[in-house]
Amino acid sequence: GFIGATMVALAAIAIVQFGIIPGVPSLATKFDYFFVN
């Protein structure tokens, strides 16, 4: 259970650090590139 909780914590950090923080602006660039070009 403790190992599982640790994995959940690491996954949550990864989602925020590598998914939401750079991911949302990066996704905005992809959308903007398509709609403009």
PDB file of all heavy atoms in Angstrom:
ATOM      1  N   GLY A   1       0.822  -1.208   0.000  1.00  0.00           N
ATOM      2  CA  GLY A   1       0.000   0.000   0.000  1.00  0.00           C
ATOM      3  C   GLY A   1       0.852   1.253   0.000  1.00  0.00           C
ATOM      4  O   GLY A   1       0.552   2.228  -0.709  1.00  0.00           O
ATOM      5  N   PHE A   2       1.940   1.235   0.788  1.00  0.00           N
ATOM      6  CA  PHE A   2       2.830   2.385   0.848  1.00  0.00           C
ATOM      7  C   PHE A   2       3.528   2.599  -0.489  1.00  0.00           C
ATOM      8  O   PHE A   2       3.665   3.738  -0.956  1.00  0.00           O
ATOM      9  CB  PHE A   2       3.867   2.180   1.950  1.00  0.00           C
ATOM     10  CG  PHE A   2       4.815   3.333   2.114  1.00  0.00           C
ATOM     11  CD1 PHE A   2       4.417   4.486   2.762  1.00  0.00           C
ATOM     12  CD2 PHE A   2       6.099   3.261   1.597  1.00  0.00           C
ATOM     13  CE1 PHE A   2       5.285   5.561   2.908  1.00  0.00           C
ATOM     14  CE2 PHE A   2       6.971   4.327   1.734  1.00  0.00           C
ATOM     15  CZ  PHE A   2       6.566   5.485   2.395  1.00  0.00           C
ATOM     16  N   ILE A   3       3.967   1.507  -1.117  1.00  0.00           N
ATOM     17  CA  ILE A   3       4.601   1.615  -2.436  1.00  0.00           C
ATOM     18  C   ILE A   3       3.599   2.160  -3.462  1.00  0.00           C
ATOM     19  O   ILE A   3       3.933   3.008  -4.294  1.00  0.00           O
ATOM     20  CB  ILE A   3       5.147   0.246  -2.887  1.00  0.00           C
ATOM     21  CG1 ILE A   3       6.308  -0.181  -1.976  1.00  0.00           C
ATOM     22  CG2 ILE A   3       5.606   0.294  -4.348  1.00  0.00           C
ATOM     23  CD1 ILE A   3       6.829  -1.574  -2.254  1.00  0.00           C
ATOM     24  N   GLY A   4       2.351   1.676  -3.374  1.00  0.00           N
ATOM     25  CA  GLY A   4       1.319   2.170  -4.280  1.00  0.00           C
ATOM     26  C   GLY A   4       1.066   3.655  -4.101  1.00  0.00           C
ATOM     27  O   GLY A   4       0.923   4.398  -5.079  1.00  0.00           O
ATOM     28  N   ALA A   5       1.019   4.110  -2.829  1.00  0.00           N
ATOM     29  CA  ALA A   5       0.819   5.535  -2.561  1.00  0.00           C
ATOM     30  C   ALA A   5       1.985   6.358  -3.103  1.00  0.00           C
ATOM     31  O   ALA A   5       1.789   7.459  -3.645  1.00  0.00           O
ATOM     32  CB  ALA A   5       0.661   5.764  -1.058  1.00  0.00           C
ATOM     33  N   THR A   6       3.200   5.819  -2.970  1.00  0.00           N
ATOM     34  CA  THR A   6       4.372   6.507  -3.499  1.00  0.00           C
ATOM     35  C   THR A   6       4.295   6.636  -5.009  1.00  0.00           C
ATOM     36  O   THR A   6       4.612   7.697  -5.579  1.00  0.00           O
ATOM     37  CB  THR A   6       5.658   5.754  -3.107  1.00  0.00           C
ATOM     38  OG1 THR A   6       5.729   5.650  -1.678  1.00  0.00           O
ATOM     39  CG2 THR A   6       6.895   6.473  -3.624  1.00  0.00           C
ATOM     40  N   MET A   7       3.866   5.566  -5.672  1.00  0.00           N
ATOM     41  CA  MET A   7       3.727   5.615  -7.135  1.00  0.00           C
ATOM     42  C   MET A   7       2.667   6.634  -7.556  1.00  0.00           C
ATOM     43  O   MET A   7       2.838   7.345  -8.546  1.00  0.00           O
ATOM     44  CB  MET A   7       3.386   4.223  -7.668  1.00  0.00           C
ATOM     45  CG  MET A   7       4.459   3.175  -7.426  1.00  0.00           C
ATOM     46  SD  MET A   7       6.060   3.630  -8.130  1.00  0.00           S
ATOM     47  CE  MET A   7       5.671   3.576  -9.863  1.00  0.00           C
ATOM     48  N   VAL A   8       1.582   6.711  -6.796  1.00  0.00           N
ATOM     49  CA  VAL A   8       0.542   7.703  -7.094  1.00  0.00           C
ATOM     50  C   VAL A   8       1.097   9.116  -6.939  1.00  0.00           C
ATOM     51  O   VAL A   8       0.832  10.002  -7.773  1.00  0.00           O
ATOM     52  CB  VAL A   8      -0.676   7.494  -6.170  1.00  0.00           C
ATOM     53  CG1 VAL A   8      -1.647   8.673  -6.282  1.00  0.00           C
ATOM     54  CG2 VAL A   8      -1.389   6.198  -6.514  1.00  0.00           C
ATOM     55  N   ALA A   9       1.883   9.333  -5.879  1.00  0.00           N
ATOM     56  CA  ALA A   9       2.465  10.659  -5.651  1.00  0.00           C
ATOM     57  C   ALA A   9       3.413  11.040  -6.785  1.00  0.00           C
ATOM     58  O   ALA A   9       3.374  12.166  -7.286  1.00  0.00           O
ATOM     59  CB  ALA A   9       3.214  10.671  -4.319  1.00  0.00           C
ATOM     60  N   LEU A  10       4.265  10.100  -7.204  1.00  0.00           N
ATOM     61  CA  LEU A  10       5.201  10.377  -8.294  1.00  0.00           C
ATOM     62  C   LEU A  10       4.457  10.630  -9.604  1.00  0.00           C
ATOM     63  O   LEU A  10       4.834  11.517 -10.384  1.00  0.00           O
ATOM     64  CB  LEU A  10       6.182   9.210  -8.453  1.00  0.00           C
ATOM     65  CG  LEU A  10       7.161   8.988  -7.292  1.00  0.00           C
ATOM     66  CD1 LEU A  10       8.013   7.754  -7.535  1.00  0.00           C
ATOM     67  CD2 LEU A  10       8.057  10.209  -7.108  1.00  0.00           C
ATOM     68  N   ALA A  11       3.397   9.851  -9.843  1.00  0.00           N
ATOM     69  CA  ALA A  11       2.605  10.050 -11.061  1.00  0.00           C
ATOM     70  C   ALA A  11       1.932  11.419 -11.056  1.00  0.00           C
ATOM     71  O   ALA A  11       1.881  12.105 -12.082  1.00  0.00           O
ATOM     72  CB  ALA A  11       1.565   8.936 -11.191  1.00  0.00           C
ATOM     73  N   ALA A  12       1.430  11.833  -9.891  1.00  0.00           N
ATOM     74  CA  ALA A  12       0.774  13.141  -9.789  1.00  0.00           C
ATOM     75  C   ALA A  12       1.767  14.274 -10.053  1.00  0.00           C
ATOM     76  O   ALA A  12       1.449  15.239 -10.758  1.00  0.00           O
ATOM     77  CB  ALA A  12       0.139  13.303  -8.406  1.00  0.00           C
ATOM     78  N   ILE A  13       2.977  14.150  -9.498  1.00  0.00           N
ATOM     79  CA  ILE A  13       4.006  15.162  -9.750  1.00  0.00           C
ATOM     80  C   ILE A  13       4.355  15.206 -11.233  1.00  0.00           C
ATOM     81  O   ILE A  13       4.499  16.287 -11.828  1.00  0.00           O
ATOM     82  CB  ILE A  13       5.267  14.879  -8.912  1.00  0.00           C
ATOM     83  CG1 ILE A  13       4.988  15.141  -7.431  1.00  0.00           C
ATOM     84  CG2 ILE A  13       6.432  15.743  -9.375  1.00  0.00           C
ATOM     85  CD1 ILE A  13       6.162  14.833  -6.520  1.00  0.00           C
ATOM     86  N   ALA A  14       4.499  14.032 -11.852  1.00  0.00           N
ATOM     87  CA  ALA A  14       4.842  13.975 -13.276  1.00  0.00           C
ATOM     88  C   ALA A  14       3.758  14.613 -14.140  1.00  0.00           C
ATOM     89  O   ALA A  14       4.057  15.334 -15.093  1.00  0.00           O
ATOM     90  CB  ALA A  14       5.069  12.520 -13.694  1.00  0.00           C
ATOM     91  N   ILE A  15       2.493  14.359 -13.786  1.00  0.00           N
ATOM     92  CA  ILE A  15       1.393  14.933 -14.565  1.00  0.00           C
ATOM     93  C   ILE A  15       1.406  16.457 -14.482  1.00  0.00           C
ATOM     94  O   ILE A  15       1.215  17.153 -15.485  1.00  0.00           O
ATOM     95  CB  ILE A  15       0.043  14.376 -14.081  1.00  0.00           C
ATOM     96  CG1 ILE A  15      -0.079  12.896 -14.475  1.00  0.00           C
ATOM     97  CG2 ILE A  15      -1.120  15.165 -14.662  1.00  0.00           C
ATOM     98  CD1 ILE A  15      -1.279  12.200 -13.876  1.00  0.00           C
ATOM     99  N   VAL A  16       1.664  16.980 -13.273  1.00  0.00           N
ATOM    100  CA  VAL A  16       1.682  18.441 -13.103  1.00  0.00           C
ATOM    101  C   VAL A  16       2.935  19.043 -13.725  1.00  0.00           C
ATOM    102  O   VAL A  16       2.864  20.022 -14.495  1.00  0.00           O
ATOM    103  CB  VAL A  16       1.591  18.814 -11.618  1.00  0.00           C
ATOM    104  CG1 VAL A  16       1.724  20.319 -11.432  1.00  0.00           C
ATOM    105  CG2 VAL A  16       0.275  18.329 -11.025  1.00  0.00           C
ATOM    106  N   GLN A  17       4.103  18.456 -13.414  1.00  0.00           N
ATOM    107  CA  GLN A  17       5.380  19.043 -13.837  1.00  0.00           C
ATOM    108  C   GLN A  17       5.620  18.912 -15.334  1.00  0.00           C
ATOM    109  O   GLN A  17       6.083  19.864 -15.982  1.00  0.00           O
ATOM    110  CB  GLN A  17       6.529  18.373 -13.068  1.00  0.00           C
ATOM    111  CG  GLN A  17       7.916  18.788 -13.512  1.00  0.00           C
ATOM    112  CD  GLN A  17       8.220  20.248 -13.227  1.00  0.00           C
ATOM    113  OE1 GLN A  17       7.692  20.820 -12.280  1.00  0.00           O
ATOM    114  NE2 GLN A  17       9.050  20.861 -14.055  1.00  0.00           N
ATOM    115  N   PHE A  18       5.312  17.742 -15.897  1.00  0.00           N
ATOM    116  CA  PHE A  18       5.621  17.505 -17.306  1.00  0.00           C
ATOM    117  C   PHE A  18       4.387  17.525 -18.211  1.00  0.00           C
ATOM    118  O   PHE A  18       4.516  17.535 -19.429  1.00  0.00           O
ATOM    119  CB  PHE A  18       6.332  16.158 -17.459  1.00  0.00           C
ATOM    120  CG  PHE A  18       7.594  16.050 -16.650  1.00  0.00           C
ATOM    121  CD1 PHE A  18       7.654  15.240 -15.528  1.00  0.00           C
ATOM    122  CD2 PHE A  18       8.711  16.780 -17.002  1.00  0.00           C
ATOM    123  CE1 PHE A  18       8.804  15.144 -14.775  1.00  0.00           C
ATOM    124  CE2 PHE A  18       9.878  16.693 -16.256  1.00  0.00           C
ATOM    125  CZ  PHE A  18       9.926  15.876 -15.137  1.00  0.00           C
ATOM    126  N   GLY A  19       3.196  17.513 -17.601  1.00  0.00           N
ATOM    127  CA  GLY A  19       1.983  17.516 -18.396  1.00  0.00           C
ATOM    128  C   GLY A  19       1.296  18.863 -18.416  1.00  0.00           C
ATOM    129  O   GLY A  19       1.162  19.493 -19.466  1.00  0.00           O
ATOM    130  N   ILE A  20       0.892  19.333 -17.250  1.00  0.00           N
ATOM    131  CA  ILE A  20       0.090  20.566 -17.198  1.00  0.00           C
ATOM    132  C   ILE A  20       0.938  21.812 -17.423  1.00  0.00           C
ATOM    133  O   ILE A  20       0.597  22.661 -18.261  1.00  0.00           O
ATOM    134  CB  ILE A  20      -0.653  20.649 -15.851  1.00  0.00           C
ATOM    135  CG1 ILE A  20      -1.689  19.517 -15.746  1.00  0.00           C
ATOM    136  CG2 ILE A  20      -1.329  22.006 -15.701  1.00  0.00           C
ATOM    137  CD1 ILE A  20      -2.409  19.463 -14.424  1.00  0.00           C
ATOM    138  N   ILE A  21       2.060  21.936 -16.704  1.00  0.00           N
ATOM    139  CA  ILE A  21       2.820  23.187 -16.749  1.00  0.00           C
ATOM    140  C   ILE A  21       3.361  23.481 -18.156  1.00  0.00           C
ATOM    141  O   ILE A  21       3.073  24.539 -18.716  1.00  0.00           O
ATOM    142  CB  ILE A  21       3.944  23.174 -15.695  1.00  0.00           C
ATOM    143  CG1 ILE A  21       3.337  23.140 -14.294  1.00  0.00           C
ATOM    144  CG2 ILE A  21       4.850  24.389 -15.852  1.00  0.00           C
ATOM    145  CD1 ILE A  21       4.344  23.009 -13.182  1.00  0.00           C
ATOM    146  N   PRO A  22       4.144  22.575 -18.768  1.00  0.00           N
ATOM    147  CA  PRO A  22       4.572  22.884 -20.144  1.00  0.00           C
ATOM    148  C   PRO A  22       3.576  22.397 -21.186  1.00  0.00           C
ATOM    149  O   PRO A  22       3.554  22.875 -22.317  1.00  0.00           O
ATOM    150  CB  PRO A  22       5.892  22.116 -20.268  1.00  0.00           C
ATOM    151  CG  PRO A  22       5.693  20.914 -19.396  1.00  0.00           C
ATOM    152  CD  PRO A  22       4.780  21.359 -18.265  1.00  0.00           C
ATOM    153  N   GLY A  23       2.722  21.425 -20.814  1.00  0.00           N
ATOM    154  CA  GLY A  23       1.847  20.787 -21.792  1.00  0.00           C
ATOM    155  C   GLY A  23       0.737  21.687 -22.306  1.00  0.00           C
ATOM    156  O   GLY A  23       0.437  21.693 -23.505  1.00  0.00           O
ATOM    157  N   VAL A  24       0.114  22.450 -21.413  1.00  0.00           N
ATOM    158  CA  VAL A  24      -0.994  23.320 -21.833  1.00  0.00           C
ATOM    159  C   VAL A  24      -0.506  24.410 -22.789  1.00  0.00           C
ATOM    160  O   VAL A  24      -1.091  24.589 -23.865  1.00  0.00           O
ATOM    161  CB  VAL A  24      -1.705  23.926 -20.602  1.00  0.00           C
ATOM    162  CG1 VAL A  24      -2.729  24.962 -21.036  1.00  0.00           C
ATOM    163  CG2 VAL A  24      -2.393  22.822 -19.801  1.00  0.00           C
ATOM    164  N   PRO A  25       0.573  25.156 -22.475  1.00  0.00           N
ATOM    165  CA  PRO A  25       1.070  26.138 -23.451  1.00  0.00           C
ATOM    166  C   PRO A  25       1.551  25.491 -24.748  1.00  0.00           C
ATOM    167  O   PRO A  25       1.364  26.046 -25.832  1.00  0.00           O
ATOM    168  CB  PRO A  25       2.230  26.827 -22.715  1.00  0.00           C
ATOM    169  CG  PRO A  25       1.964  26.585 -21.271  1.00  0.00           C
ATOM    170  CD  PRO A  25       1.316  25.247 -21.208  1.00  0.00           C
ATOM    171  N   SER A  26       2.187  24.313 -24.636  1.00  0.00           N
ATOM    172  CA  SER A  26       2.646  23.622 -25.839  1.00  0.00           C
ATOM    173  C   SER A  26       1.474  23.232 -26.725  1.00  0.00           C
ATOM    174  O   SER A  26       1.530  23.375 -27.958  1.00  0.00           O
ATOM    175  CB  SER A  26       3.447  22.375 -25.449  1.00  0.00           C
ATOM    176  OG  SER A  26       3.843  21.650 -26.598  1.00  0.00           O
ATOM    177  N   LEU A  27       0.393  22.760 -26.109  1.00  0.00           N
ATOM    178  CA  LEU A  27      -0.803  22.411 -26.880  1.00  0.00           C
ATOM    179  C   LEU A  27      -1.398  23.655 -27.537  1.00  0.00           C
ATOM    180  O   LEU A  27      -1.895  23.597 -28.661  1.00  0.00           O
ATOM    181  CB  LEU A  27      -1.828  21.748 -25.957  1.00  0.00           C
ATOM    182  CG  LEU A  27      -3.034  21.081 -26.623  1.00  0.00           C
ATOM    183  CD1 LEU A  27      -2.594  19.987 -27.581  1.00  0.00           C
ATOM    184  CD2 LEU A  27      -3.973  20.510 -25.571  1.00  0.00           C
ATOM    185  N   ALA A  28      -1.309  24.789 -26.848  1.00  0.00           N
ATOM    186  CA  ALA A  28      -1.815  26.040 -27.419  1.00  0.00           C
ATOM    187  C   ALA A  28      -1.031  26.418 -28.676  1.00  0.00           C
ATOM    188  O   ALA A  28      -1.617  26.923 -29.646  1.00  0.00           O
ATOM    189  CB  ALA A  28      -1.726  27.162 -26.388  1.00  0.00           C
ATOM    190  N   THR A  29       0.283  26.172 -28.671  1.00  0.00           N
ATOM    191  CA  THR A  29       1.070  26.481 -29.869  1.00  0.00           C
ATOM    192  C   THR A  29       0.655  25.597 -31.038  1.00  0.00           C
ATOM    193  O   THR A  29       0.614  26.061 -32.190  1.00  0.00           O
ATOM    194  CB  THR A  29       2.576  26.293 -29.604  1.00  0.00           C
ATOM    195  OG1 THR A  29       2.859  24.914 -29.296  1.00  0.00           O
ATOM    196  CG2 THR A  29       3.041  27.158 -28.442  1.00  0.00           C
ATOM    197  N   LYS A  30       0.332  24.327 -30.783  1.00  0.00           N
ATOM    198  CA  LYS A  30      -0.079  23.422 -31.861  1.00  0.00           C
ATOM    199  C   LYS A  30      -1.415  23.863 -32.453  1.00  0.00           C
ATOM    200  O   LYS A  30      -1.594  23.892 -33.678  1.00  0.00           O
ATOM    201  CB  LYS A  30      -0.181  21.990 -31.326  1.00  0.00           C
ATOM    202  CG  LYS A  30       1.078  21.474 -30.640  1.00  0.00           C
ATOM    203  CD  LYS A  30       2.246  21.391 -31.595  1.00  0.00           C
ATOM    204  CE  LYS A  30       3.524  20.957 -30.877  1.00  0.00           C
ATOM    205  NZ  LYS A  30       3.438  19.622 -30.293  1.00  0.00           N
ATOM    206  N   PHE A  31      -2.348  24.216 -31.591  1.00  0.00           N
ATOM    207  CA  PHE A  31      -3.647  24.692 -32.067  1.00  0.00           C
ATOM    208  C   PHE A  31      -3.482  25.996 -32.856  1.00  0.00           C
ATOM    209  O   PHE A  31      -4.071  26.172 -33.930  1.00  0.00           O
ATOM    210  CB  PHE A  31      -4.605  24.912 -30.891  1.00  0.00           C
ATOM    211  CG  PHE A  31      -5.392  23.690 -30.499  1.00  0.00           C
ATOM    212  CD1 PHE A  31      -4.859  22.740 -29.649  1.00  0.00           C
ATOM    213  CD2 PHE A  31      -6.673  23.494 -30.985  1.00  0.00           C
ATOM    214  CE1 PHE A  31      -5.579  21.618 -29.280  1.00  0.00           C
ATOM    215  CE2 PHE A  31      -7.405  22.378 -30.627  1.00  0.00           C
ATOM    216  CZ  PHE A  31      -6.861  21.437 -29.770  1.00  0.00           C
ATOM    217  N   ASP A  32      -2.685  26.919 -32.312  1.00  0.00           N
ATOM    218  CA  ASP A  32      -2.517  28.215 -32.960  1.00  0.00           C
ATOM    219  C   ASP A  32      -1.829  28.065 -34.315  1.00  0.00           C
ATOM    220  O   ASP A  32      -2.200  28.748 -35.286  1.00  0.00           O
ATOM    221  CB  ASP A  32      -1.714  29.147 -32.058  1.00  0.00           C
ATOM    222  CG  ASP A  32      -2.139  30.599 -32.194  1.00  0.00           C
ATOM    223  OD1 ASP A  32      -3.360  30.846 -32.207  1.00  0.00           O
ATOM    224  OD2 ASP A  32      -1.271  31.467 -32.291  1.00  0.00           O
ATOM    225  N   TYR A  33      -0.841  27.200 -34.392  1.00  0.00           N
ATOM    226  CA  TYR A  33      -0.134  26.961 -35.654  1.00  0.00           C
ATOM    227  C   TYR A  33      -1.107  26.468 -36.719  1.00  0.00           C
ATOM    228  O   TYR A  33      -1.087  26.927 -37.868  1.00  0.00           O
ATOM    229  CB  TYR A  33       0.973  25.937 -35.428  1.00  0.00           C
ATOM    230  CG  TYR A  33       1.877  25.733 -36.623  1.00  0.00           C
ATOM    231  CD1 TYR A  33       3.047  26.480 -36.772  1.00  0.00           C
ATOM    232  CD2 TYR A  33       1.566  24.805 -37.611  1.00  0.00           C
ATOM    233  CE1 TYR A  33       3.879  26.297 -37.868  1.00  0.00           C
ATOM    234  CE2 TYR A  33       2.380  24.634 -38.711  1.00  0.00           C
ATOM    235  CZ  TYR A  33       3.537  25.374 -38.828  1.00  0.00           C
ATOM    236  OH  TYR A  33       4.344  25.192 -39.925  1.00  0.00           O
ATOM    237  N   PHE A  34      -1.992  25.553 -36.342  1.00  0.00           N
ATOM    238  CA  PHE A  34      -2.950  24.999 -37.301  1.00  0.00           C
ATOM    239  C   PHE A  34      -3.960  26.054 -37.744  1.00  0.00           C
ATOM    240  O   PHE A  34      -4.231  26.217 -38.943  1.00  0.00           O
ATOM    241  CB  PHE A  34      -3.682  23.808 -36.672  1.00  0.00           C
ATOM    242  CG  PHE A  34      -4.800  23.270 -37.521  1.00  0.00           C
ATOM    243  CD1 PHE A  34      -4.528  22.444 -38.604  1.00  0.00           C
ATOM    244  CD2 PHE A  34      -6.124  23.584 -37.248  1.00  0.00           C
ATOM    245  CE1 PHE A  34      -5.557  21.943 -39.394  1.00  0.00           C
ATOM    246  CE2 PHE A  34      -7.153  23.100 -38.030  1.00  0.00           C
ATOM    247  CZ  PHE A  34      -6.865  22.267 -39.105  1.00  0.00           C
ATOM    248  N   PHE A  35      -4.515  26.799 -36.803  1.00  0.00           N
ATOM    249  CA  PHE A  35      -5.556  27.768 -37.142  1.00  0.00           C
ATOM    250  C   PHE A  35      -5.006  28.960 -37.919  1.00  0.00           C
ATOM    251  O   PHE A  35      -5.722  29.546 -38.742  1.00  0.00           O
ATOM    252  CB  PHE A  35      -6.276  28.235 -35.877  1.00  0.00           C
ATOM    253  CG  PHE A  35      -7.342  27.289 -35.421  1.00  0.00           C
ATOM    254  CD1 PHE A  35      -7.042  26.217 -34.596  1.00  0.00           C
ATOM    255  CD2 PHE A  35      -8.657  27.446 -35.827  1.00  0.00           C
ATOM    256  CE1 PHE A  35      -8.020  25.332 -34.178  1.00  0.00           C
ATOM    257  CE2 PHE A  35      -9.649  26.568 -35.419  1.00  0.00           C
ATOM    258  CZ  PHE A  35      -9.331  25.501 -34.591  1.00  0.00           C
ATOM    259  N   VAL A  36      -3.743  29.325 -37.685  1.00  0.00           N
ATOM    260  CA  VAL A  36      -3.159  30.463 -38.394  1.00  0.00           C
ATOM    261  C   VAL A  36      -2.614  30.028 -39.756  1.00  0.00           C
ATOM    262  O   VAL A  36      -2.940  30.610 -40.791  1.00  0.00           O
ATOM    263  CB  VAL A  36      -2.045  31.115 -37.550  1.00  0.00           C
ATOM    264  CG1 VAL A  36      -1.310  32.184 -38.361  1.00  0.00           C
ATOM    265  CG2 VAL A  36      -2.630  31.739 -36.297  1.00  0.00           C
ATOM    266  N   ASN A  37      -1.780  28.986 -39.771  1.00  0.00           N
ATOM    267  CA  ASN A  37      -1.106  28.592 -41.017  1.00  0.00           C
ATOM    268  C   ASN A  37      -1.994  27.797 -41.965  1.00  0.00           C
ATOM    269  O   ASN A  37      -1.832  27.894 -43.180  1.00  0.00           O
ATOM    270  CB  ASN A  37       0.145  27.768 -40.689  1.00  0.00           C
ATOM    271  CG  ASN A  37       1.273  28.639 -40.172  1.00  0.00           C
ATOM    272  OD1 ASN A  37       1.025  29.671 -39.576  1.00  0.00           O
ATOM    273  ND2 ASN A  37       2.505  28.233 -40.406  1.00  0.00           N
TER     274      ASN A  37
END
